[in-house]
Amino acid sequence: MPALKPPIYLSDNHLESLGIQPRDIADAIETTLDAQAKGRFHPSPKTAIRPGDGRYAMSTLAMGDDGFIVIKQVTVCPENPGKGLAAINGAIMVLDAQTGILRAVLDANWITAVRTAALSVVAARRLADPTAQSVAFVGTGVQARSHLNALADEFPLEHIHVVGRGKPNIDLLCDRAQALGLHSTVHRDPQEALQQADLIVTSVTLDNTITPFLNARWLKPNAFAAITDACVPWIPESLTAFKTLIVDDRIQEKQNPQPMLPYDHITGDLAELVTAQDTGQNTGQKTAQSTQTPKAFAFRGMALGDYAAAVLAVKRAAESGLSPTFPT
């Protein structure tokens, strides 16, 4: 039997040190969407378990013809911050697709944050006003900061509008905006924030006991919303204001026992949106017909995003010579 290389371990700190930019991951996602359209990428729908005590466990699985299998498991634990721990934790396994041999284990927090923002960027490249100068954040945690970095890299932003509950996270987000040369306004009334923004990012805690408080009819005609929180804060009846409403994966959404929104509200999914840009058909035609109505990308996260980000990180680590093994 040939000697096997031990799997490498890439911590969140290792991953951050690789210098991977949000647009790099967005590009990798688009490449993987193209592979899927050509039958060279094979994902399974995301699975989730809600044990009823506020925790939320999620897993994804995908295989690509480029030689990798990626499995991710993360759990949202609302009580963790009170214990001095991050609210979201997990791990990613990267295996060889031909042999099943484990090649790498990655911490999941950095990947989850950046791949979520990168998915938003892929949709925003096609649905948002390319001259967008302002973004409103409802929810000010990790996803807000990750989206700020990603959107600032894609759009000529000048101002952010902030709606949040925790002052430490609000301050972190505003400090990050200042470091990027942007102005910040903190709002108590979410309507004020949404009415003034070209881009909207909502990332509140996944808690279905929250009374919806955001109305899609508050948005500018050309606004784009990235909804990362399963539409939890959005008033369901108002979602019809989005004449273009994209999800990450139609099949995944249809099979989910707790749908984000009525299935007949969905215009298309991310693969259809990217393909439509090339063909000028289907979702692309519908988008062109609704240029003066708000548009949204509502998503849970999908195996394709995790796969693209994890494989990119493993390849970048190999290129840089970074090959840490598990601590002993």
C-alpha atoms as a PDB file:
ATOM      1  CA  MET A   1       0.000   0.000   0.000  1.00  0.00           C
ATOM      2  CA  PRO A   2       1.441   3.421  -0.923  1.00  0.00           C
ATOM      3  CA  ALA A   3       2.195   5.811   1.903  1.00  0.00           C
ATOM      4  CA  LEU A   4      -0.590   8.331   2.344  1.00  0.00           C
ATOM      5  CA  LYS A   5      -0.015  11.968   3.139  1.00  0.00           C
ATOM      6  CA  PRO A   6      -1.704  12.974   6.398  1.00  0.00           C
ATOM      7  CA  PRO A   7      -4.678  15.266   5.923  1.00  0.00           C
ATOM      8  CA  ILE A   8      -4.000  18.944   6.453  1.00  0.00           C
ATOM      9  CA  TYR A   9      -5.896  21.041   8.974  1.00  0.00           C
ATOM     10  CA  LEU A  10      -6.804  24.598   8.029  1.00  0.00           C
ATOM     11  CA  SER A  11      -8.091  26.626  10.961  1.00  0.00           C
ATOM     12  CA  ASP A  12     -10.120  29.791  10.476  1.00  0.00           C
ATOM     13  CA  ASN A  13      -6.886  31.727  11.098  1.00  0.00           C
ATOM     14  CA  HIS A  14      -5.067  29.706   8.424  1.00  0.00           C
ATOM     15  CA  LEU A  15      -7.916  30.300   5.967  1.00  0.00           C
ATOM     16  CA  GLU A  16      -7.973  34.027   6.602  1.00  0.00           C
ATOM     17  CA  SER A  17      -4.203  34.201   6.085  1.00  0.00           C
ATOM     18  CA  LEU A  18      -4.497  32.848   2.520  1.00  0.00           C
ATOM     19  CA  GLY A  19      -5.601  36.268   1.237  1.00  0.00           C
ATOM     20  CA  ILE A  20      -8.651  34.939  -0.611  1.00  0.00           C
ATOM     21  CA  GLN A  21     -10.882  37.849  -1.587  1.00  0.00           C
ATOM     22  CA  PRO A  22     -14.704  37.807  -1.743  1.00  0.00           C
ATOM     23  CA  ARG A  23     -14.624  38.231  -5.530  1.00  0.00           C
ATOM     24  CA  ASP A  24     -12.320  35.178  -5.775  1.00  0.00           C
ATOM     25  CA  ILE A  25     -14.972  33.034  -4.113  1.00  0.00           C
ATOM     26  CA  ALA A  26     -17.765  34.604  -6.190  1.00  0.00           C
ATOM     27  CA  ASP A  27     -15.788  33.741  -9.328  1.00  0.00           C
ATOM     28  CA  ALA A  28     -15.256  30.177  -8.039  1.00  0.00           C
ATOM     29  CA  ILE A  29     -18.995  29.839  -7.408  1.00  0.00           C
ATOM     30  CA  GLU A  30     -19.760  30.967 -10.960  1.00  0.00           C
ATOM     31  CA  THR A  31     -17.252  28.447 -12.319  1.00  0.00           C
ATOM     32  CA  THR A  32     -18.891  25.692 -10.270  1.00  0.00           C
ATOM     33  CA  LEU A  33     -22.361  26.753 -11.465  1.00  0.00           C
ATOM     34  CA  ASP A  34     -21.074  26.376 -15.018  1.00  0.00           C
ATOM     35  CA  ALA A  35     -19.726  22.904 -14.169  1.00  0.00           C
ATOM     36  CA  GLN A  36     -23.119  21.961 -12.726  1.00  0.00           C
ATOM     37  CA  ALA A  37     -24.879  23.099 -15.910  1.00  0.00           C
ATOM     38  CA  LYS A  38     -22.539  20.817 -17.884  1.00  0.00           C
ATOM     39  CA  GLY A  39     -23.132  17.822 -15.594  1.00  0.00           C
ATOM     40  CA  ARG A  40     -19.706  17.989 -13.969  1.00  0.00           C
ATOM     41  CA  PHE A  41     -20.800  18.922 -10.449  1.00  0.00           C
ATOM     42  CA  HIS A  42     -23.094  16.837  -8.268  1.00  0.00           C
ATOM     43  CA  PRO A  43     -24.640  18.435  -5.141  1.00  0.00           C
ATOM     44  CA  SER A  44     -27.233  17.180  -2.702  1.00  0.00           C
ATOM     45  CA  PRO A  45     -29.816  19.474  -1.079  1.00  0.00           C
ATOM     46  CA  LYS A  46     -28.847  21.038   2.218  1.00  0.00           C
ATOM     47  CA  THR A  47     -30.233  19.217   5.262  1.00  0.00           C
ATOM     48  CA  ALA A  48     -31.151  20.748   8.605  1.00  0.00           C
ATOM     49  CA  ILE A  49     -32.229  19.661  12.078  1.00  0.00           C
ATOM     50  CA  ARG A  50     -34.026  21.921  14.554  1.00  0.00           C
ATOM     51  CA  PRO A  51     -34.162  20.121  17.928  1.00  0.00           C
ATOM     52  CA  GLY A  52     -36.528  22.742  19.339  1.00  0.00           C
ATOM     53  CA  ASP A  53     -34.269  24.510  21.825  1.00  0.00           C
ATOM     54  CA  GLY A  54     -32.993  27.239  19.508  1.00  0.00           C
ATOM     55  CA  ARG A  55     -30.152  25.204  18.027  1.00  0.00           C
ATOM     56  CA  TYR A  56     -30.024  24.693  14.269  1.00  0.00           C
ATOM     57  CA  ALA A  57     -27.763  22.062  12.680  1.00  0.00           C
ATOM     58  CA  MET A  58     -27.044  22.153   8.932  1.00  0.00           C
ATOM     59  CA  SER A  59     -25.101  19.884   6.560  1.00  0.00           C
ATOM     60  CA  THR A  60     -24.114  19.982   2.878  1.00  0.00           C
ATOM     61  CA  LEU A  61     -22.556  17.390   0.570  1.00  0.00           C
ATOM     62  CA  ALA A  62     -21.204  17.729  -2.971  1.00  0.00           C
ATOM     63  CA  MET A  63     -18.879  16.002  -5.436  1.00  0.00           C
ATOM     64  CA  GLY A  64     -17.140  17.578  -8.406  1.00  0.00           C
ATOM     65  CA  ASP A  65     -15.549  16.036 -11.457  1.00  0.00           C
ATOM     66  CA  ASP A  66     -12.465  18.095 -10.609  1.00  0.00           C
ATOM     67  CA  GLY A  67     -11.597  15.489  -7.980  1.00  0.00           C
ATOM     68  CA  PHE A  68     -13.107  16.582  -4.680  1.00  0.00           C
ATOM     69  CA  ILE A  69     -15.887  15.678  -2.271  1.00  0.00           C
ATOM     70  CA  VAL A  70     -16.839  18.337   0.280  1.00  0.00           C
ATOM     71  CA  ILE A  71     -18.954  17.737   3.378  1.00  0.00           C
ATOM     72  CA  LYS A  72     -19.812  20.559   5.777  1.00  0.00           C
ATOM     73  CA  GLN A  73     -21.631  20.521   9.102  1.00  0.00           C
ATOM     74  CA  VAL A  74     -22.334  23.633  11.176  1.00  0.00           C
ATOM     75  CA  THR A  75     -24.539  24.253  14.178  1.00  0.00           C
ATOM     76  CA  VAL A  76     -26.055  27.544  15.326  1.00  0.00           C
ATOM     77  CA  CYS A  77     -26.068  27.619  19.137  1.00  0.00           C
ATOM     78  CA  PRO A  78     -27.762  30.806  20.427  1.00  0.00           C
ATOM     79  CA  GLU A  79     -26.502  30.299  23.991  1.00  0.00           C
ATOM     80  CA  ASN A  80     -22.851  30.085  22.963  1.00  0.00           C
ATOM     81  CA  PRO A  81     -22.039  33.827  23.215  1.00  0.00           C
ATOM     82  CA  GLY A  82     -22.969  33.691  26.893  1.00  0.00           C
ATOM     83  CA  LYS A  83     -20.321  30.971  27.273  1.00  0.00           C
ATOM     84  CA  GLY A  84     -17.672  33.002  25.469  1.00  0.00           C
ATOM     85  CA  LEU A  85     -18.040  30.948  22.280  1.00  0.00           C
ATOM     86  CA  ALA A  86     -19.009  31.848  18.734  1.00  0.00           C
ATOM     87  CA  ALA A  87     -22.702  31.249  18.000  1.00  0.00           C
ATOM     88  CA  ILE A  88     -21.882  29.230  14.863  1.00  0.00           C
ATOM     89  CA  ASN A  89     -19.323  26.409  14.814  1.00  0.00           C
ATOM     90  CA  GLY A  90     -18.579  23.411  12.637  1.00  0.00           C
ATOM     91  CA  ALA A  91     -16.138  21.684  10.341  1.00  0.00           C
ATOM     92  CA  ILE A  92     -15.612  20.851   6.674  1.00  0.00           C
ATOM     93  CA  MET A  93     -14.096  17.646   5.293  1.00  0.00           C
ATOM     94  CA  VAL A  94     -12.473  17.663   1.857  1.00  0.00           C
ATOM     95  CA  LEU A  95     -11.911  14.183   0.389  1.00  0.00           C
ATOM     96  CA  ASP A  96     -10.468  12.753  -2.801  1.00  0.00           C
ATOM     97  CA  ALA A  97     -13.394  11.968  -5.105  1.00  0.00           C
ATOM     98  CA  GLN A  98     -11.745   8.904  -6.650  1.00  0.00           C
ATOM     99  CA  THR A  99     -10.516   7.171  -3.501  1.00  0.00           C
ATOM    100  CA  GLY A 100     -12.548   8.714  -0.688  1.00  0.00           C
ATOM    101  CA  ILE A 101      -9.309   9.480   1.180  1.00  0.00           C
ATOM    102  CA  LEU A 102      -9.480  12.463   3.535  1.00  0.00           C
ATOM    103  CA  ARG A 103      -7.355  15.318   2.204  1.00  0.00           C
ATOM    104  CA  ALA A 104      -8.188  18.197   4.528  1.00  0.00           C
ATOM    105  CA  VAL A 105     -10.293  19.331   7.466  1.00  0.00           C
ATOM    106  CA  LEU A 106     -11.236  23.003   7.599  1.00  0.00           C
ATOM    107  CA  ASP A 107     -12.824  25.100  10.286  1.00  0.00           C
ATOM    108  CA  ALA A 108     -16.244  26.142   9.016  1.00  0.00           C
ATOM    109  CA  ASN A 109     -16.766  29.659  10.376  1.00  0.00           C
ATOM    110  CA  TRP A 110     -14.614  31.611   7.919  1.00  0.00           C
ATOM    111  CA  ILE A 111     -15.852  29.571   4.952  1.00  0.00           C
ATOM    112  CA  THR A 112     -19.499  29.992   5.979  1.00  0.00           C
ATOM    113  CA  ALA A 113     -19.156  33.746   6.337  1.00  0.00           C
ATOM    114  CA  VAL A 114     -17.329  34.412   3.085  1.00  0.00           C
ATOM    115  CA  ARG A 115     -19.206  31.947   0.911  1.00  0.00           C
ATOM    116  CA  THR A 116     -22.544  33.418   2.016  1.00  0.00           C
ATOM    117  CA  ALA A 117     -21.431  36.912   1.044  1.00  0.00           C
ATOM    118  CA  ALA A 118     -19.990  35.565  -2.211  1.00  0.00           C
ATOM    119  CA  LEU A 119     -23.332  33.947  -3.102  1.00  0.00           C
ATOM    120  CA  SER A 120     -24.941  37.371  -2.583  1.00  0.00           C
ATOM    121  CA  VAL A 121     -22.322  38.929  -4.865  1.00  0.00           C
ATOM    122  CA  VAL A 122     -23.059  36.426  -7.649  1.00  0.00           C
ATOM    123  CA  ALA A 123     -26.730  37.447  -7.557  1.00  0.00           C
ATOM    124  CA  ALA A 124     -25.983  41.148  -7.065  1.00  0.00           C
ATOM    125  CA  ARG A 125     -23.733  41.220 -10.141  1.00  0.00           C
ATOM    126  CA  ARG A 126     -26.833  40.421 -12.193  1.00  0.00           C
ATOM    127  CA  LEU A 127     -29.686  42.036 -10.253  1.00  0.00           C
ATOM    128  CA  ALA A 128     -28.349  45.117  -8.451  1.00  0.00           C
ATOM    129  CA  ASP A 129     -27.727  48.606  -9.794  1.00  0.00           C
ATOM    130  CA  PRO A 130     -24.001  48.634 -10.647  1.00  0.00           C
ATOM    131  CA  THR A 131     -23.832  52.266  -9.464  1.00  0.00           C
ATOM    132  CA  ALA A 132     -25.235  51.433  -5.991  1.00  0.00           C
ATOM    133  CA  GLN A 133     -23.775  53.755  -3.367  1.00  0.00           C
ATOM    134  CA  SER A 134     -25.592  52.745  -0.176  1.00  0.00           C
ATOM    135  CA  VAL A 135     -26.361  49.546   1.690  1.00  0.00           C
ATOM    136  CA  ALA A 136     -28.659  48.900   4.642  1.00  0.00           C
ATOM    137  CA  PHE A 137     -27.858  46.145   7.140  1.00  0.00           C
ATOM    138  CA  VAL A 138     -30.597  44.644   9.291  1.00  0.00           C
ATOM    139  CA  GLY A 139     -28.620  42.439  11.620  1.00  0.00           C
ATOM    140  CA  THR A 140     -25.050  43.413  12.427  1.00  0.00           C
ATOM    141  CA  GLY A 141     -23.158  40.213  13.142  1.00  0.00           C
ATOM    142  CA  VAL A 142     -20.597  38.209  11.191  1.00  0.00           C
ATOM    143  CA  GLN A 143     -22.671  38.079   8.020  1.00  0.00           C
ATOM    144  CA  ALA A 144     -23.146  41.838   7.979  1.00  0.00           C
ATOM    145  CA  ARG A 145     -19.390  42.417   8.214  1.00  0.00           C
ATOM    146  CA  SER A 146     -18.654  39.763   5.606  1.00  0.00           C
ATOM    147  CA  HIS A 147     -21.218  41.272   3.227  1.00  0.00           C
ATOM    148  CA  LEU A 148     -19.840  44.768   3.786  1.00  0.00           C
ATOM    149  CA  ASN A 149     -16.388  43.609   2.691  1.00  0.00           C
ATOM    150  CA  ALA A 150     -17.760  41.778  -0.341  1.00  0.00           C
ATOM    151  CA  LEU A 151     -20.148  44.500  -1.528  1.00  0.00           C
ATOM    152  CA  ALA A 152     -17.590  47.261  -1.029  1.00  0.00           C
ATOM    153  CA  ASP A 153     -15.342  45.328  -3.404  1.00  0.00           C
ATOM    154  CA  GLU A 154     -18.053  45.213  -6.088  1.00  0.00           C
ATOM    155  CA  PHE A 155     -19.930  48.527  -5.838  1.00  0.00           C
ATOM    156  CA  PRO A 156     -18.956  52.225  -5.427  1.00  0.00           C
ATOM    157  CA  LEU A 157     -20.353  52.383  -1.899  1.00  0.00           C
ATOM    158  CA  GLU A 158     -20.327  55.606   0.079  1.00  0.00           C
ATOM    159  CA  HIS A 159     -22.763  55.065   2.958  1.00  0.00           C
ATOM    160  CA  ILE A 160     -24.167  52.290   5.133  1.00  0.00           C
ATOM    161  CA  HIS A 161     -27.416  52.327   7.120  1.00  0.00           C
ATOM    162  CA  VAL A 162     -27.458  50.099  10.187  1.00  0.00           C
ATOM    163  CA  VAL A 163     -30.272  48.483  12.155  1.00  0.00           C
ATOM    164  CA  GLY A 164     -29.259  46.193  15.001  1.00  0.00           C
ATOM    165  CA  ARG A 165     -29.829  45.285  18.619  1.00  0.00           C
ATOM    166  CA  GLY A 166     -26.330  44.857  20.061  1.00  0.00           C
ATOM    167  CA  LYS A 167     -24.106  47.914  20.370  1.00  0.00           C
ATOM    168  CA  PRO A 168     -20.819  45.937  20.194  1.00  0.00           C
ATOM    169  CA  ASN A 169     -21.739  44.474  16.798  1.00  0.00           C
ATOM    170  CA  ILE A 170     -23.090  47.807  15.561  1.00  0.00           C
ATOM    171  CA  ASP A 171     -19.811  49.466  16.536  1.00  0.00           C
ATOM    172  CA  LEU A 172     -17.753  46.745  14.830  1.00  0.00           C
ATOM    173  CA  LEU A 173     -19.730  47.158  11.609  1.00  0.00           C
ATOM    174  CA  CYS A 174     -19.496  50.958  11.649  1.00  0.00           C
ATOM    175  CA  ASP A 175     -15.781  50.815  12.441  1.00  0.00           C
ATOM    176  CA  ARG A 176     -15.264  48.500   9.485  1.00  0.00           C
ATOM    177  CA  ALA A 177     -17.212  50.878   7.256  1.00  0.00           C
ATOM    178  CA  GLN A 178     -15.071  53.791   8.427  1.00  0.00           C
ATOM    179  CA  ALA A 179     -11.923  51.810   7.640  1.00  0.00           C
ATOM    180  CA  LEU A 180     -13.276  51.397   4.102  1.00  0.00           C
ATOM    181  CA  GLY A 181     -13.873  55.152   3.828  1.00  0.00           C
ATOM    182  CA  LEU A 182     -17.663  54.897   4.179  1.00  0.00           C
ATOM    183  CA  HIS A 183     -20.100  56.943   6.263  1.00  0.00           C
ATOM    184  CA  SER A 184     -22.483  55.219   8.684  1.00  0.00           C
ATOM    185  CA  THR A 185     -25.938  56.027  10.038  1.00  0.00           C
ATOM    186  CA  VAL A 186     -27.520  53.947  12.796  1.00  0.00           C
ATOM    187  CA  HIS A 187     -31.330  53.781  12.694  1.00  0.00           C
ATOM    188  CA  ARG A 188     -33.918  52.740  15.239  1.00  0.00           C
ATOM    189  CA  ASP A 189     -36.616  52.612  12.556  1.00  0.00           C
ATOM    190  CA  PRO A 190     -35.849  49.962   9.903  1.00  0.00           C
ATOM    191  CA  GLN A 191     -38.159  51.683   7.433  1.00  0.00           C
ATOM    192  CA  GLU A 192     -35.862  54.721   7.376  1.00  0.00           C
ATOM    193  CA  ALA A 193     -32.877  52.508   6.593  1.00  0.00           C
ATOM    194  CA  LEU A 194     -34.542  50.489   3.837  1.00  0.00           C
ATOM    195  CA  GLN A 195     -36.058  53.500   2.100  1.00  0.00           C
ATOM    196  CA  GLN A 196     -32.632  55.108   1.677  1.00  0.00           C
ATOM    197  CA  ALA A 197     -30.602  52.105   0.543  1.00  0.00           C
ATOM    198  CA  ASP A 198     -29.699  50.818  -2.916  1.00  0.00           C
ATOM    199  CA  LEU A 199     -28.673  47.441  -1.443  1.00  0.00           C
ATOM    200  CA  ILE A 200     -30.147  45.658   1.584  1.00  0.00           C
ATOM    201  CA  VAL A 201     -28.682  42.783   3.572  1.00  0.00           C
ATOM    202  CA  THR A 202     -30.765  41.049   6.240  1.00  0.00           C
ATOM    203  CA  SER A 203     -29.054  38.561   8.541  1.00  0.00           C
ATOM    204  CA  VAL A 204     -31.064  38.357  11.743  1.00  0.00           C
ATOM    205  CA  THR A 205     -30.933  35.311  14.012  1.00  0.00           C
ATOM    206  CA  LEU A 206     -32.797  32.309  12.593  1.00  0.00           C
ATOM    207  CA  ASP A 207     -35.632  32.469  15.107  1.00  0.00           C
ATOM    208  CA  ASN A 208     -39.110  31.761  13.782  1.00  0.00           C
ATOM    209  CA  THR A 209     -40.680  33.294  16.892  1.00  0.00           C
ATOM    210  CA  ILE A 210     -39.642  36.757  15.636  1.00  0.00           C
ATOM    211  CA  THR A 211     -42.602  38.850  14.496  1.00  0.00           C
ATOM    212  CA  PRO A 212     -41.835  39.954  10.905  1.00  0.00           C
ATOM    213  CA  PHE A 213     -41.122  43.677  10.771  1.00  0.00           C
ATOM    214  CA  LEU A 214     -39.649  44.432   7.316  1.00  0.00           C
ATOM    215  CA  ASN A 215     -41.878  45.444   4.411  1.00  0.00           C
ATOM    216  CA  ALA A 216     -40.538  44.920   0.893  1.00  0.00           C
ATOM    217  CA  ARG A 217     -42.737  47.800  -0.304  1.00  0.00           C
ATOM    218  CA  TRP A 218     -40.460  50.212   1.561  1.00  0.00           C
ATOM    219  CA  LEU A 219     -37.634  49.619  -0.930  1.00  0.00           C
ATOM    220  CA  LYS A 220     -36.542  51.861  -3.766  1.00  0.00           C
ATOM    221  CA  PRO A 221     -37.734  50.730  -7.226  1.00  0.00           C
ATOM    222  CA  ASN A 222     -34.228  49.652  -8.236  1.00  0.00           C
ATOM    223  CA  ALA A 223     -33.153  48.217  -4.861  1.00  0.00           C
ATOM    224  CA  PHE A 224     -31.646  44.763  -4.412  1.00  0.00           C
ATOM    225  CA  ALA A 225     -31.996  42.730  -1.211  1.00  0.00           C
ATOM    226  CA  ALA A 226     -29.757  39.853  -0.133  1.00  0.00           C
ATOM    227  CA  ILE A 227     -31.866  37.893   2.354  1.00  0.00           C
ATOM    228  CA  THR A 228     -29.638  35.453   4.247  1.00  0.00           C
ATOM    229  CA  ASP A 229     -32.010  34.691   7.137  1.00  0.00           C
ATOM    230  CA  ALA A 230     -34.688  32.526   5.495  1.00  0.00           C
ATOM    231  CA  CYS A 231     -36.990  35.602   5.232  1.00  0.00           C
ATOM    232  CA  VAL A 232     -37.566  35.486   9.008  1.00  0.00           C
ATOM    233  CA  PRO A 233     -37.807  39.312   9.443  1.00  0.00           C
ATOM    234  CA  TRP A 234     -39.829  39.967   6.267  1.00  0.00           C
ATOM    235  CA  ILE A 235     -43.619  40.386   6.322  1.00  0.00           C
ATOM    236  CA  PRO A 236     -44.731  37.461   4.102  1.00  0.00           C
ATOM    237  CA  GLU A 237     -47.455  39.373   2.254  1.00  0.00           C
ATOM    238  CA  SER A 238     -45.001  42.091   1.266  1.00  0.00           C
ATOM    239  CA  LEU A 239     -42.688  39.714  -0.598  1.00  0.00           C
ATOM    240  CA  THR A 240     -44.859  40.027  -3.708  1.00  0.00           C
ATOM    241  CA  ALA A 241     -43.233  43.443  -4.149  1.00  0.00           C
ATOM    242  CA  PHE A 242     -40.186  41.537  -5.423  1.00  0.00           C
ATOM    243  CA  LYS A 243     -41.084  40.819  -9.039  1.00  0.00           C
ATOM    244  CA  THR A 244     -37.705  39.087  -9.366  1.00  0.00           C
ATOM    245  CA  LEU A 245     -37.085  36.751  -6.425  1.00  0.00           C
ATOM    246  CA  ILE A 246     -34.223  34.287  -6.743  1.00  0.00           C
ATOM    247  CA  VAL A 247     -33.415  31.399  -4.383  1.00  0.00           C
ATOM    248  CA  ASP A 248     -30.159  29.488  -4.270  1.00  0.00           C
ATOM    249  CA  ASP A 249     -31.612  26.132  -5.330  1.00  0.00           C
ATOM    250  CA  ARG A 250     -35.204  25.436  -6.418  1.00  0.00           C
ATOM    251  CA  ILE A 251     -35.036  21.702  -5.634  1.00  0.00           C
ATOM    252  CA  GLN A 252     -33.570  22.326  -2.192  1.00  0.00           C
ATOM    253  CA  GLU A 253     -36.264  24.888  -1.431  1.00  0.00           C
ATOM    254  CA  LYS A 254     -39.111  22.722  -2.676  1.00  0.00           C
ATOM    255  CA  GLN A 255     -37.957  19.802  -0.523  1.00  0.00           C
ATOM    256  CA  ASN A 256     -37.474  21.861   2.641  1.00  0.00           C
ATOM    257  CA  PRO A 257     -40.179  21.180   5.243  1.00  0.00           C
ATOM    258  CA  GLN A 258     -40.032  24.815   6.380  1.00  0.00           C
ATOM    259  CA  PRO A 259     -40.172  26.946   3.206  1.00  0.00           C
ATOM    260  CA  MET A 260     -38.826  30.477   3.314  1.00  0.00           C
ATOM    261  CA  LEU A 261     -41.652  31.792   1.143  1.00  0.00           C
ATOM    262  CA  PRO A 262     -44.460  30.492  -1.071  1.00  0.00           C
ATOM    263  CA  TYR A 263     -42.915  28.475  -3.873  1.00  0.00           C
ATOM    264  CA  ASP A 264     -44.957  30.293  -6.527  1.00  0.00           C
ATOM    265  CA  HIS A 265     -43.231  33.563  -5.544  1.00  0.00           C
ATOM    266  CA  ILE A 266     -39.890  32.221  -6.806  1.00  0.00           C
ATOM    267  CA  THR A 267     -38.676  33.582 -10.162  1.00  0.00           C
ATOM    268  CA  GLY A 268     -35.699  31.270 -10.474  1.00  0.00           C
ATOM    269  CA  ASP A 269     -32.602  29.991  -8.731  1.00  0.00           C
ATOM    270  CA  LEU A 270     -28.966  31.011  -8.875  1.00  0.00           C
ATOM    271  CA  ALA A 271     -28.008  28.516 -11.576  1.00  0.00           C
ATOM    272  CA  GLU A 272     -30.890  29.704 -13.769  1.00  0.00           C
ATOM    273  CA  LEU A 273     -29.938  33.329 -13.154  1.00  0.00           C
ATOM    274  CA  VAL A 274     -26.316  32.822 -14.176  1.00  0.00           C
ATOM    275  CA  THR A 275     -27.290  30.707 -17.186  1.00  0.00           C
ATOM    276  CA  ALA A 276     -29.920  33.238 -18.239  1.00  0.00           C
ATOM    277  CA  GLN A 277     -27.316  35.977 -18.457  1.00  0.00           C
ATOM    278  CA  ASP A 278     -25.508  33.935 -21.081  1.00  0.00           C
ATOM    279  CA  THR A 279     -28.592  32.837 -23.043  1.00  0.00           C
ATOM    280  CA  GLY A 280     -30.818  35.890 -22.653  1.00  0.00           C
ATOM    281  CA  GLN A 281     -33.740  33.597 -21.870  1.00  0.00           C
ATOM    282  CA  ASN A 282     -35.979  32.543 -18.986  1.00  0.00           C
ATOM    283  CA  THR A 283     -34.915  34.313 -15.784  1.00  0.00           C
ATOM    284  CA  GLY A 284     -32.882  36.825 -17.773  1.00  0.00           C
ATOM    285  CA  GLN A 285     -35.945  37.923 -19.732  1.00  0.00           C
ATOM    286  CA  LYS A 286     -38.058  38.236 -16.593  1.00  0.00           C
ATOM    287  CA  THR A 287     -35.330  40.288 -14.945  1.00  0.00           C
ATOM    288  CA  ALA A 288     -35.121  42.648 -17.911  1.00  0.00           C
ATOM    289  CA  GLN A 289     -38.878  43.176 -17.779  1.00  0.00           C
ATOM    290  CA  SER A 290     -38.777  44.205 -14.115  1.00  0.00           C
ATOM    291  CA  THR A 291     -35.836  46.586 -13.986  1.00  0.00           C
ATOM    292  CA  GLN A 292     -37.830  49.189 -12.040  1.00  0.00           C
ATOM    293  CA  THR A 293     -39.059  46.902  -9.282  1.00  0.00           C
ATOM    294  CA  PRO A 294     -37.099  45.700  -6.243  1.00  0.00           C
ATOM    295  CA  LYS A 295     -35.276  42.410  -6.661  1.00  0.00           C
ATOM    296  CA  ALA A 296     -34.182  39.902  -4.047  1.00  0.00           C
ATOM    297  CA  PHE A 297     -31.989  36.872  -3.507  1.00  0.00           C
ATOM    298  CA  ALA A 298     -33.381  34.829  -0.607  1.00  0.00           C
ATOM    299  CA  PHE A 299     -31.225  31.884   0.325  1.00  0.00           C
ATOM    300  CA  ARG A 300     -30.245  29.318   2.928  1.00  0.00           C
ATOM    301  CA  GLY A 301     -26.805  28.489   1.578  1.00  0.00           C
ATOM    302  CA  MET A 302     -26.135  25.471  -0.570  1.00  0.00           C
ATOM    303  CA  ALA A 303     -23.601  22.741  -1.099  1.00  0.00           C
ATOM    304  CA  LEU A 304     -22.238  24.413  -4.227  1.00  0.00           C
ATOM    305  CA  GLY A 305     -21.120  27.505  -2.316  1.00  0.00           C
ATOM    306  CA  ASP A 306     -19.395  25.488   0.388  1.00  0.00           C
ATOM    307  CA  TYR A 307     -17.730  23.300  -2.236  1.00  0.00           C
ATOM    308  CA  ALA A 308     -16.419  26.219  -4.283  1.00  0.00           C
ATOM    309  CA  ALA A 309     -15.007  28.045  -1.256  1.00  0.00           C
ATOM    310  CA  ALA A 310     -13.464  24.971   0.390  1.00  0.00           C
ATOM    311  CA  VAL A 311     -11.824  23.657  -2.781  1.00  0.00           C
ATOM    312  CA  LEU A 312     -10.450  27.107  -3.575  1.00  0.00           C
ATOM    313  CA  ALA A 313      -8.979  27.300  -0.059  1.00  0.00           C
ATOM    314  CA  VAL A 314      -7.366  23.854  -0.275  1.00  0.00           C
ATOM    315  CA  LYS A 315      -5.854  24.682  -3.676  1.00  0.00           C
ATOM    316  CA  ARG A 316      -4.610  28.073  -2.456  1.00  0.00           C
ATOM    317  CA  ALA A 317      -3.049  26.457   0.611  1.00  0.00           C
ATOM    318  CA  ALA A 318      -1.220  23.953  -1.617  1.00  0.00           C
ATOM    319  CA  GLU A 319       0.038  26.751  -3.874  1.00  0.00           C
ATOM    320  CA  SER A 320       1.358  28.684  -0.878  1.00  0.00           C
ATOM    321  CA  GLY A 321       2.985  25.648   0.704  1.00  0.00           C
ATOM    322  CA  LEU A 322       0.735  25.799   3.746  1.00  0.00           C
ATOM    323  CA  SER A 323       0.168  22.239   4.997  1.00  0.00           C
ATOM    324  CA  PRO A 324      -0.464  22.253   8.756  1.00  0.00           C
ATOM    325  CA  THR A 325      -1.522  18.943  10.324  1.00  0.00           C
ATOM    326  CA  PHE A 326      -3.750  18.354  13.313  1.00  0.00           C
ATOM    327  CA  PRO A 327      -2.364  19.623  16.617  1.00  0.00           C
ATOM    328  CA  THR A 328      -1.050  16.868  18.852  1.00  0.00           C
END
